[in-house]
Amino acid sequence: MPTTSTMPTARKRRRKTRTKAVNHRPAIIASDLKVNEIDLTPGKEHLKCPDCSSWCPITGMLGTPKLVPHHVSRAGTTAPRRCSPGSNRRVTIDIAVDAWRMRLIEAVPTTASRRATKVLPKPKVKPAPAASQVMPAPLSAEQVRKAFRQHQQQCAACQREATSRDGDPLPCRDGERLAVTYLRLLRQEPKRRAVRDFFARERQRFDRQYAAAAPARRAAEWTAVLPDVRAADTQRAERIPEALSEFRGPQLPLEPQDVEVYERRQAELAKLYARRNSAASGA
């Protein structure tokens, strides 16, 4: 609906009004309202109107508290409707501001407990393998050398900074163990490399033999099933006497079992198709 300049709109609710009119209806008791339906903050007193459920300022806090005249809809809404039952209605403030604040603070945990908590999806953790399924990773001389260098940078005994009471440098058992392991792997590295090369060559040789034997094995498999294939082809090529083809034998009926029922059904279908055609042509 288009809005014109002469069309009235809902006004903003003023906090202080000059009218002395008082609604004849019974006063609203503040203690009977819910804690979230009234705001007694000094200088910002508001109340939820019981008639239109809109928040309205309370005027006359030092004299006769009452609701200010207000509309049902928000401010600026076209074609507003005045809330006659709730405008200028008296309000009885029978609860102190401190008591109202205490009730409001006590209601916060209760509201939070009723609110649904956020459900966090449980992360899917892959189960740890059994001890029998754990495959130890083979160590290499390069890995042990890096671990030894890192240990030397962090260990005070390896840097000759840790001494005993007599001032003698303390030995480092961990550094010694890493150094011995590195030297052992360094000596075994040629033999390990030769073993890896041997298994790689054997794997390549096996792959070549398997690829070379595949045609001969496939030919042998076809030779084994050739008699059965020939027998199946011979049986399929033989035509049964008095058969129309290899797929239609003499036992298949060519005439309906009940000729009268068949002709009656054909006549009904012809009438049905005729009615459909006439209806389609008429439309």
C-alpha atoms as a PDB file:
ATOM      1  CA  MET A   1       0.000   0.000   0.000  1.00  0.00           C
ATOM      2  CA  PRO A   2       1.622   3.334  -0.989  1.00  0.00           C
ATOM      3  CA  THR A   3       2.320   5.816   1.813  1.00  0.00           C
ATOM      4  CA  THR A   4       1.325   9.492   1.373  1.00  0.00           C
ATOM      5  CA  SER A   5       2.379  12.523   3.362  1.00  0.00           C
ATOM      6  CA  THR A   6      -1.117  12.883   4.873  1.00  0.00           C
ATOM      7  CA  MET A   7      -1.300   9.285   6.113  1.00  0.00           C
ATOM      8  CA  PRO A   8      -0.756   9.126   9.917  1.00  0.00           C
ATOM      9  CA  THR A   9       2.084   7.043  11.317  1.00  0.00           C
ATOM     10  CA  ALA A  10       2.781   5.658  14.758  1.00  0.00           C
ATOM     11  CA  ARG A  11       4.687   8.159  16.900  1.00  0.00           C
ATOM     12  CA  LYS A  12       7.694   7.512  19.065  1.00  0.00           C
ATOM     13  CA  ARG A  13       6.693   6.911  22.672  1.00  0.00           C
ATOM     14  CA  ARG A  14       7.705   9.803  24.873  1.00  0.00           C
ATOM     15  CA  ARG A  15       9.032   9.221  28.338  1.00  0.00           C
ATOM     16  CA  LYS A  16       7.330  12.264  29.850  1.00  0.00           C
ATOM     17  CA  THR A  17       3.832  13.428  28.956  1.00  0.00           C
ATOM     18  CA  ARG A  18       1.869  16.489  30.089  1.00  0.00           C
ATOM     19  CA  THR A  19      -1.520  14.802  30.124  1.00  0.00           C
ATOM     20  CA  LYS A  20      -3.259  14.345  33.456  1.00  0.00           C
ATOM     21  CA  ALA A  21      -5.630  11.699  32.129  1.00  0.00           C
ATOM     22  CA  VAL A  22      -5.679   8.446  34.060  1.00  0.00           C
ATOM     23  CA  ASN A  23      -7.070   5.162  32.804  1.00  0.00           C
ATOM     24  CA  HIS A  24     -10.062   3.862  34.774  1.00  0.00           C
ATOM     25  CA  ARG A  25      -8.812   0.281  34.670  1.00  0.00           C
ATOM     26  CA  PRO A  26      -7.143  -1.298  37.727  1.00  0.00           C
ATOM     27  CA  ALA A  27      -3.501  -0.455  38.251  1.00  0.00           C
ATOM     28  CA  ILE A  28      -0.746  -2.811  37.112  1.00  0.00           C
ATOM     29  CA  ILE A  29       1.068  -4.404  40.068  1.00  0.00           C
ATOM     30  CA  ALA A  30       4.827  -4.533  39.407  1.00  0.00           C
ATOM     31  CA  SER A  31       5.392  -7.508  41.711  1.00  0.00           C
ATOM     32  CA  ASP A  32       2.855  -9.594  39.750  1.00  0.00           C
ATOM     33  CA  LEU A  33       4.821  -9.216  36.507  1.00  0.00           C
ATOM     34  CA  LYS A  34       7.646 -11.467  35.422  1.00  0.00           C
ATOM     35  CA  VAL A  35      11.163 -10.266  35.993  1.00  0.00           C
ATOM     36  CA  ASN A  36      11.736  -9.944  32.232  1.00  0.00           C
ATOM     37  CA  GLU A  37       8.547  -7.903  31.692  1.00  0.00           C
ATOM     38  CA  ILE A  38       9.614  -4.828  33.637  1.00  0.00           C
ATOM     39  CA  ASP A  39      12.725  -2.643  33.733  1.00  0.00           C
ATOM     40  CA  LEU A  40      13.217  -0.522  36.860  1.00  0.00           C
ATOM     41  CA  THR A  41      16.587   0.938  35.935  1.00  0.00           C
ATOM     42  CA  PRO A  42      16.566   4.506  37.312  1.00  0.00           C
ATOM     43  CA  GLY A  43      15.779   6.956  34.540  1.00  0.00           C
ATOM     44  CA  LYS A  44      14.860   4.146  32.118  1.00  0.00           C
ATOM     45  CA  GLU A  45      11.715   2.659  33.655  1.00  0.00           C
ATOM     46  CA  HIS A  46       9.885   0.553  31.083  1.00  0.00           C
ATOM     47  CA  LEU A  47       7.061  -1.938  31.233  1.00  0.00           C
ATOM     48  CA  LYS A  48       5.607  -4.511  28.864  1.00  0.00           C
ATOM     49  CA  CYS A  49       2.000  -3.499  28.272  1.00  0.00           C
ATOM     50  CA  PRO A  50      -0.289  -6.408  29.259  1.00  0.00           C
ATOM     51  CA  ASP A  51      -2.801  -5.444  26.539  1.00  0.00           C
ATOM     52  CA  CYS A  52      -0.628  -5.020  23.433  1.00  0.00           C
ATOM     53  CA  SER A  53       2.638  -6.686  24.608  1.00  0.00           C
ATOM     54  CA  SER A  54       4.698  -3.643  23.597  1.00  0.00           C
ATOM     55  CA  TRP A  55       7.342  -1.990  25.770  1.00  0.00           C
ATOM     56  CA  CYS A  56       6.235   1.423  27.039  1.00  0.00           C
ATOM     57  CA  PRO A  57       7.965   3.975  29.266  1.00  0.00           C
ATOM     58  CA  ILE A  58       6.602   4.656  32.751  1.00  0.00           C
ATOM     59  CA  THR A  59       6.047   8.323  33.510  1.00  0.00           C
ATOM     60  CA  GLY A  60       5.368  10.049  36.826  1.00  0.00           C
ATOM     61  CA  MET A  61       7.742   7.968  38.936  1.00  0.00           C
ATOM     62  CA  LEU A  62       7.821  10.739  41.613  1.00  0.00           C
ATOM     63  CA  GLY A  63       4.035  11.053  41.691  1.00  0.00           C
ATOM     64  CA  THR A  64       1.509   8.747  40.058  1.00  0.00           C
ATOM     65  CA  PRO A  65       3.331   6.202  37.848  1.00  0.00           C
ATOM     66  CA  LYS A  66       1.444   5.315  34.709  1.00  0.00           C
ATOM     67  CA  LEU A  67       2.050   4.099  31.168  1.00  0.00           C
ATOM     68  CA  VAL A  68       2.469   6.746  28.508  1.00  0.00           C
ATOM     69  CA  PRO A  69      -0.046   6.885  25.619  1.00  0.00           C
ATOM     70  CA  HIS A  70       1.242   4.583  22.904  1.00  0.00           C
ATOM     71  CA  HIS A  71       0.338   2.783  19.698  1.00  0.00           C
ATOM     72  CA  VAL A  72       0.187  -0.967  19.230  1.00  0.00           C
ATOM     73  CA  SER A  73       2.722  -1.066  16.367  1.00  0.00           C
ATOM     74  CA  ARG A  74       6.268   0.281  16.159  1.00  0.00           C
ATOM     75  CA  ALA A  75       7.058   3.939  15.629  1.00  0.00           C
ATOM     76  CA  GLY A  76       6.805   4.988  11.986  1.00  0.00           C
ATOM     77  CA  THR A  77       4.287   2.278  11.049  1.00  0.00           C
ATOM     78  CA  THR A  78       1.482   3.433   8.748  1.00  0.00           C
ATOM     79  CA  ALA A  79      -2.184   3.215   9.774  1.00  0.00           C
ATOM     80  CA  PRO A  80      -1.414   2.913  13.516  1.00  0.00           C
ATOM     81  CA  ARG A  81      -3.913   1.754  16.116  1.00  0.00           C
ATOM     82  CA  ARG A  82      -3.983   3.369  19.541  1.00  0.00           C
ATOM     83  CA  CYS A  83      -3.743   1.072  22.554  1.00  0.00           C
ATOM     84  CA  SER A  84      -6.688   2.540  24.442  1.00  0.00           C
ATOM     85  CA  PRO A  85      -6.891  -0.087  27.229  1.00  0.00           C
ATOM     86  CA  GLY A  86      -3.210   0.292  28.154  1.00  0.00           C
ATOM     87  CA  SER A  87      -2.564   4.017  27.614  1.00  0.00           C
ATOM     88  CA  ASN A  88      -2.350   6.135  30.811  1.00  0.00           C
ATOM     89  CA  ARG A  89      -2.887   3.043  32.931  1.00  0.00           C
ATOM     90  CA  ARG A  90      -1.583   3.377  36.479  1.00  0.00           C
ATOM     91  CA  VAL A  91       1.350   1.275  37.692  1.00  0.00           C
ATOM     92  CA  THR A  92       1.897   0.351  41.330  1.00  0.00           C
ATOM     93  CA  ILE A  93       5.635   0.058  42.021  1.00  0.00           C
ATOM     94  CA  ASP A  94       5.653  -2.227  45.081  1.00  0.00           C
ATOM     95  CA  ILE A  95       9.128  -3.670  44.554  1.00  0.00           C
ATOM     96  CA  ALA A  96      12.454  -1.995  45.221  1.00  0.00           C
ATOM     97  CA  VAL A  97      15.030  -1.570  42.508  1.00  0.00           C
ATOM     98  CA  ASP A  98      17.589  -3.681  44.415  1.00  0.00           C
ATOM     99  CA  ALA A  99      15.079  -6.500  44.889  1.00  0.00           C
ATOM    100  CA  TRP A 100      14.216  -6.413  41.168  1.00  0.00           C
ATOM    101  CA  ARG A 101      17.912  -6.595  40.238  1.00  0.00           C
ATOM    102  CA  MET A 102      18.418  -9.539  42.601  1.00  0.00           C
ATOM    103  CA  ARG A 103      15.506 -11.402  40.986  1.00  0.00           C
ATOM    104  CA  LEU A 104      16.956 -10.637  37.552  1.00  0.00           C
ATOM    105  CA  ILE A 105      20.400 -11.971  38.514  1.00  0.00           C
ATOM    106  CA  GLU A 106      18.906 -15.113  40.023  1.00  0.00           C
ATOM    107  CA  ALA A 107      16.886 -15.781  36.846  1.00  0.00           C
ATOM    108  CA  VAL A 108      19.949 -15.741  34.570  1.00  0.00           C
ATOM    109  CA  PRO A 109      21.326 -19.197  35.635  1.00  0.00           C
ATOM    110  CA  THR A 110      17.840 -20.678  35.437  1.00  0.00           C
ATOM    111  CA  THR A 111      17.402 -19.423  31.878  1.00  0.00           C
ATOM    112  CA  ALA A 112      20.858 -20.637  30.886  1.00  0.00           C
ATOM    113  CA  SER A 113      20.117 -24.117  32.257  1.00  0.00           C
ATOM    114  CA  ARG A 114      16.959 -24.354  30.112  1.00  0.00           C
ATOM    115  CA  ARG A 115      18.780 -23.284  26.971  1.00  0.00           C
ATOM    116  CA  ALA A 116      20.049 -26.145  24.833  1.00  0.00           C
ATOM    117  CA  THR A 117      23.812 -26.492  24.881  1.00  0.00           C
ATOM    118  CA  LYS A 118      25.803 -26.690  21.680  1.00  0.00           C
ATOM    119  CA  VAL A 119      26.528 -30.266  20.671  1.00  0.00           C
ATOM    120  CA  LEU A 120      30.151 -30.666  19.690  1.00  0.00           C
ATOM    121  CA  PRO A 121      30.827 -33.598  17.365  1.00  0.00           C
ATOM    122  CA  LYS A 122      33.168 -36.115  18.842  1.00  0.00           C
ATOM    123  CA  PRO A 123      36.307 -36.400  16.710  1.00  0.00           C
ATOM    124  CA  LYS A 124      36.802 -39.754  15.097  1.00  0.00           C
ATOM    125  CA  VAL A 125      40.107 -41.172  16.262  1.00  0.00           C
ATOM    126  CA  LYS A 126      41.600 -44.064  14.400  1.00  0.00           C
ATOM    127  CA  PRO A 127      42.155 -46.980  16.802  1.00  0.00           C
ATOM    128  CA  ALA A 128      45.744 -47.757  17.588  1.00  0.00           C
ATOM    129  CA  PRO A 129      47.060 -50.965  16.013  1.00  0.00           C
ATOM    130  CA  ALA A 130      47.806 -53.980  18.165  1.00  0.00           C
ATOM    131  CA  ALA A 131      51.331 -54.700  19.290  1.00  0.00           C
ATOM    132  CA  SER A 132      51.547 -57.595  16.842  1.00  0.00           C
ATOM    133  CA  GLN A 133      50.574 -55.278  13.957  1.00  0.00           C
ATOM    134  CA  VAL A 134      53.170 -52.593  14.642  1.00  0.00           C
ATOM    135  CA  MET A 135      55.922 -52.694  12.051  1.00  0.00           C
ATOM    136  CA  PRO A 136      59.130 -51.040  13.221  1.00  0.00           C
ATOM    137  CA  ALA A 137      60.544 -48.557  10.746  1.00  0.00           C
ATOM    138  CA  PRO A 138      64.083 -49.413   9.657  1.00  0.00           C
ATOM    139  CA  LEU A 139      66.695 -46.968  10.850  1.00  0.00           C
ATOM    140  CA  SER A 140      69.100 -45.301   8.492  1.00  0.00           C
ATOM    141  CA  ALA A 141      72.487 -43.784   9.186  1.00  0.00           C
ATOM    142  CA  GLU A 142      71.248 -40.346   8.120  1.00  0.00           C
ATOM    143  CA  GLN A 143      68.373 -40.377  10.624  1.00  0.00           C
ATOM    144  CA  VAL A 144      70.656 -41.398  13.494  1.00  0.00           C
ATOM    145  CA  ARG A 145      73.196 -38.741  12.486  1.00  0.00           C
ATOM    146  CA  LYS A 146      70.534 -35.986  12.637  1.00  0.00           C
ATOM    147  CA  ALA A 147      69.348 -37.211  16.028  1.00  0.00           C
ATOM    148  CA  PHE A 148      72.952 -37.274  17.289  1.00  0.00           C
ATOM    149  CA  ARG A 149      73.617 -33.707  16.097  1.00  0.00           C
ATOM    150  CA  GLN A 150      70.404 -32.456  17.727  1.00  0.00           C
ATOM    151  CA  HIS A 151      71.321 -34.198  20.963  1.00  0.00           C
ATOM    152  CA  GLN A 152      74.783 -32.627  20.943  1.00  0.00           C
ATOM    153  CA  GLN A 153      73.282 -29.139  20.616  1.00  0.00           C
ATOM    154  CA  GLN A 154      70.953 -29.654  23.599  1.00  0.00           C
ATOM    155  CA  CYS A 155      73.088 -31.808  25.917  1.00  0.00           C
ATOM    156  CA  ALA A 156      75.435 -30.017  28.347  1.00  0.00           C
ATOM    157  CA  ALA A 157      77.536 -33.146  28.889  1.00  0.00           C
ATOM    158  CA  CYS A 158      78.271 -33.478  25.166  1.00  0.00           C
ATOM    159  CA  GLN A 159      79.375 -29.822  25.122  1.00  0.00           C
ATOM    160  CA  ARG A 160      81.786 -30.423  28.056  1.00  0.00           C
ATOM    161  CA  GLU A 161      79.820 -28.045  30.256  1.00  0.00           C
ATOM    162  CA  ALA A 162      78.574 -30.584  32.817  1.00  0.00           C
ATOM    163  CA  THR A 163      81.246 -31.486  35.390  1.00  0.00           C
ATOM    164  CA  SER A 164      81.364 -33.555  38.562  1.00  0.00           C
ATOM    165  CA  ARG A 165      82.273 -32.357  42.057  1.00  0.00           C
ATOM    166  CA  ASP A 166      85.937 -32.880  41.245  1.00  0.00           C
ATOM    167  CA  GLY A 167      85.666 -30.781  38.078  1.00  0.00           C
ATOM    168  CA  ASP A 168      85.913 -33.728  35.685  1.00  0.00           C
ATOM    169  CA  PRO A 169      83.587 -33.668  32.663  1.00  0.00           C
ATOM    170  CA  LEU A 170      80.631 -36.040  32.951  1.00  0.00           C
ATOM    171  CA  PRO A 171      80.114 -38.637  30.198  1.00  0.00           C
ATOM    172  CA  CYS A 172      76.868 -38.697  28.222  1.00  0.00           C
ATOM    173  CA  ARG A 173      75.458 -42.197  27.881  1.00  0.00           C
ATOM    174  CA  ASP A 174      72.780 -41.161  25.378  1.00  0.00           C
ATOM    175  CA  GLY A 175      75.271 -39.439  23.127  1.00  0.00           C
ATOM    176  CA  GLU A 176      77.579 -42.435  23.286  1.00  0.00           C
ATOM    177  CA  ARG A 177      74.723 -44.784  22.381  1.00  0.00           C
ATOM    178  CA  LEU A 178      73.732 -42.630  19.393  1.00  0.00           C
ATOM    179  CA  ALA A 179      77.347 -42.416  18.192  1.00  0.00           C
ATOM    180  CA  VAL A 180      77.787 -46.199  18.395  1.00  0.00           C
ATOM    181  CA  THR A 181      74.511 -46.761  16.539  1.00  0.00           C
ATOM    182  CA  TYR A 182      75.507 -44.300  13.814  1.00  0.00           C
ATOM    183  CA  LEU A 183      78.889 -46.010  13.274  1.00  0.00           C
ATOM    184  CA  ARG A 184      77.254 -49.441  13.173  1.00  0.00           C
ATOM    185  CA  LEU A 185      74.680 -48.379  10.594  1.00  0.00           C
ATOM    186  CA  LEU A 186      77.380 -46.634   8.576  1.00  0.00           C
ATOM    187  CA  ARG A 187      79.357 -49.888   8.384  1.00  0.00           C
ATOM    188  CA  GLN A 188      76.257 -51.912   7.478  1.00  0.00           C
ATOM    189  CA  GLU A 189      74.990 -49.441   4.864  1.00  0.00           C
ATOM    190  CA  PRO A 190      76.818 -51.062   1.867  1.00  0.00           C
ATOM    191  CA  LYS A 191      75.470 -54.485   2.767  1.00  0.00           C
ATOM    192  CA  ARG A 192      71.953 -53.109   3.252  1.00  0.00           C
ATOM    193  CA  ARG A 193      72.124 -51.321  -0.099  1.00  0.00           C
ATOM    194  CA  ALA A 194      73.281 -54.540  -1.800  1.00  0.00           C
ATOM    195  CA  VAL A 195      70.360 -56.477  -0.274  1.00  0.00           C
ATOM    196  CA  ARG A 196      67.864 -53.813  -1.432  1.00  0.00           C
ATOM    197  CA  ASP A 197      69.298 -53.852  -4.952  1.00  0.00           C
ATOM    198  CA  PHE A 198      69.136 -57.656  -5.050  1.00  0.00           C
ATOM    199  CA  PHE A 199      65.456 -57.757  -4.078  1.00  0.00           C
ATOM    200  CA  ALA A 200      64.672 -55.001  -6.599  1.00  0.00           C
ATOM    201  CA  ARG A 201      66.348 -56.977  -9.398  1.00  0.00           C
ATOM    202  CA  GLU A 202      64.504 -60.160  -8.380  1.00  0.00           C
ATOM    203  CA  ARG A 203      61.209 -58.315  -8.396  1.00  0.00           C
ATOM    204  CA  GLN A 204      61.829 -56.968 -11.889  1.00  0.00           C
ATOM    205  CA  ARG A 205      62.839 -60.445 -13.110  1.00  0.00           C
ATOM    206  CA  PHE A 206      59.677 -61.982 -11.669  1.00  0.00           C
ATOM    207  CA  ASP A 207      57.515 -59.299 -13.337  1.00  0.00           C
ATOM    208  CA  ARG A 208      59.165 -59.969 -16.715  1.00  0.00           C
ATOM    209  CA  GLN A 209      58.657 -63.726 -16.390  1.00  0.00           C
ATOM    210  CA  TYR A 210      55.014 -63.281 -15.396  1.00  0.00           C
ATOM    211  CA  ALA A 211      54.358 -60.965 -18.366  1.00  0.00           C
ATOM    212  CA  ALA A 212      56.086 -63.387 -20.774  1.00  0.00           C
ATOM    213  CA  ALA A 213      54.150 -66.416 -19.501  1.00  0.00           C
ATOM    214  CA  ALA A 214      50.764 -64.681 -19.546  1.00  0.00           C
ATOM    215  CA  PRO A 215      49.950 -65.356 -23.269  1.00  0.00           C
ATOM    216  CA  ALA A 216      50.929 -69.033 -22.994  1.00  0.00           C
ATOM    217  CA  ARG A 217      48.861 -69.436 -19.818  1.00  0.00           C
ATOM    218  CA  ARG A 218      45.873 -67.747 -21.432  1.00  0.00           C
ATOM    219  CA  ALA A 219      46.173 -70.026 -24.485  1.00  0.00           C
ATOM    220  CA  ALA A 220      46.314 -73.084 -22.229  1.00  0.00           C
ATOM    221  CA  GLU A 221      43.158 -71.977 -20.407  1.00  0.00           C
ATOM    222  CA  TRP A 222      41.305 -71.537 -23.717  1.00  0.00           C
ATOM    223  CA  THR A 223      42.503 -74.969 -24.853  1.00  0.00           C
ATOM    224  CA  ALA A 224      41.124 -76.535 -21.678  1.00  0.00           C
ATOM    225  CA  VAL A 225      37.613 -75.095 -22.192  1.00  0.00           C
ATOM    226  CA  LEU A 226      37.543 -75.486 -25.984  1.00  0.00           C
ATOM    227  CA  PRO A 227      35.659 -78.867 -26.022  1.00  0.00           C
ATOM    228  CA  ASP A 228      32.869 -77.465 -23.820  1.00  0.00           C
ATOM    229  CA  VAL A 229      32.565 -74.354 -26.000  1.00  0.00           C
ATOM    230  CA  ARG A 230      32.344 -76.433 -29.171  1.00  0.00           C
ATOM    231  CA  ALA A 231      29.667 -78.678 -27.661  1.00  0.00           C
ATOM    232  CA  ALA A 232      27.611 -75.641 -26.669  1.00  0.00           C
ATOM    233  CA  ASP A 233      27.919 -74.174 -30.180  1.00  0.00           C
ATOM    234  CA  THR A 234      26.836 -77.480 -31.756  1.00  0.00           C
ATOM    235  CA  GLN A 235      23.740 -77.746 -29.555  1.00  0.00           C
ATOM    236  CA  ARG A 236      22.807 -74.148 -30.330  1.00  0.00           C
ATOM    237  CA  ALA A 237      23.227 -74.680 -34.101  1.00  0.00           C
ATOM    238  CA  GLU A 238      20.963 -77.760 -34.198  1.00  0.00           C
ATOM    239  CA  ARG A 239      17.333 -76.862 -35.064  1.00  0.00           C
ATOM    240  CA  ILE A 240      14.510 -78.839 -33.482  1.00  0.00           C
ATOM    241  CA  PRO A 241      12.225 -80.504 -36.080  1.00  0.00           C
ATOM    242  CA  GLU A 242       9.091 -78.486 -36.946  1.00  0.00           C
ATOM    243  CA  ALA A 243      10.561 -75.395 -35.208  1.00  0.00           C
ATOM    244  CA  LEU A 244      10.216 -71.973 -36.810  1.00  0.00           C
ATOM    245  CA  SER A 245      13.711 -70.916 -35.688  1.00  0.00           C
ATOM    246  CA  GLU A 246      16.339 -71.691 -33.067  1.00  0.00           C
ATOM    247  CA  PHE A 247      14.343 -69.652 -30.519  1.00  0.00           C
ATOM    248  CA  ARG A 248      10.717 -70.664 -31.399  1.00  0.00           C
ATOM    249  CA  GLY A 249       9.932 -74.333 -31.063  1.00  0.00           C
ATOM    250  CA  PRO A 250       6.773 -76.282 -32.086  1.00  0.00           C
ATOM    251  CA  GLN A 251       5.542 -76.316 -28.480  1.00  0.00           C
ATOM    252  CA  LEU A 252       4.800 -72.554 -28.513  1.00  0.00           C
ATOM    253  CA  PRO A 253       1.031 -71.889 -29.094  1.00  0.00           C
ATOM    254  CA  LEU A 254       0.243 -69.764 -32.139  1.00  0.00           C
ATOM    255  CA  GLU A 255      -3.568 -69.513 -31.582  1.00  0.00           C
ATOM    256  CA  PRO A 256      -5.465 -68.326 -28.482  1.00  0.00           C
ATOM    257  CA  GLN A 257      -6.811 -71.038 -26.240  1.00  0.00           C
ATOM    258  CA  ASP A 258     -10.339 -69.511 -26.070  1.00  0.00           C
ATOM    259  CA  VAL A 259     -11.163 -67.885 -29.408  1.00  0.00           C
ATOM    260  CA  GLU A 260     -14.522 -66.452 -28.249  1.00  0.00           C
ATOM    261  CA  VAL A 261     -13.038 -64.697 -25.210  1.00  0.00           C
ATOM    262  CA  TYR A 262     -10.188 -63.391 -27.354  1.00  0.00           C
ATOM    263  CA  GLU A 263     -12.521 -61.901 -29.961  1.00  0.00           C
ATOM    264  CA  ARG A 264     -14.731 -60.331 -27.273  1.00  0.00           C
ATOM    265  CA  ARG A 265     -11.700 -58.690 -25.669  1.00  0.00           C
ATOM    266  CA  GLN A 266     -10.524 -57.362 -29.033  1.00  0.00           C
ATOM    267  CA  ALA A 267     -13.945 -55.822 -29.667  1.00  0.00           C
ATOM    268  CA  GLU A 268     -13.935 -54.098 -26.260  1.00  0.00           C
ATOM    269  CA  LEU A 269     -10.480 -52.682 -26.918  1.00  0.00           C
ATOM    270  CA  ALA A 270     -11.600 -51.388 -30.327  1.00  0.00           C
ATOM    271  CA  LYS A 271     -14.567 -49.549 -28.757  1.00  0.00           C
ATOM    272  CA  LEU A 272     -12.329 -48.082 -26.046  1.00  0.00           C
ATOM    273  CA  TYR A 273      -9.802 -46.790 -28.580  1.00  0.00           C
ATOM    274  CA  ALA A 274     -12.631 -45.335 -30.695  1.00  0.00           C
ATOM    275  CA  ARG A 275     -14.014 -43.375 -27.704  1.00  0.00           C
ATOM    276  CA  ARG A 276     -10.545 -42.040 -26.876  1.00  0.00           C
ATOM    277  CA  ASN A 277      -9.971 -40.917 -30.447  1.00  0.00           C
ATOM    278  CA  SER A 278     -13.338 -39.162 -30.619  1.00  0.00           C
ATOM    279  CA  ALA A 279     -12.728 -37.385 -27.306  1.00  0.00           C
ATOM    280  CA  ALA A 280      -9.305 -36.244 -28.455  1.00  0.00           C
ATOM    281  CA  SER A 281     -10.624 -34.945 -31.767  1.00  0.00           C
ATOM    282  CA  GLY A 282     -13.505 -33.105 -30.026  1.00  0.00           C
ATOM    283  CA  ALA A 283     -11.141 -31.372 -27.603  1.00  0.00           C
END
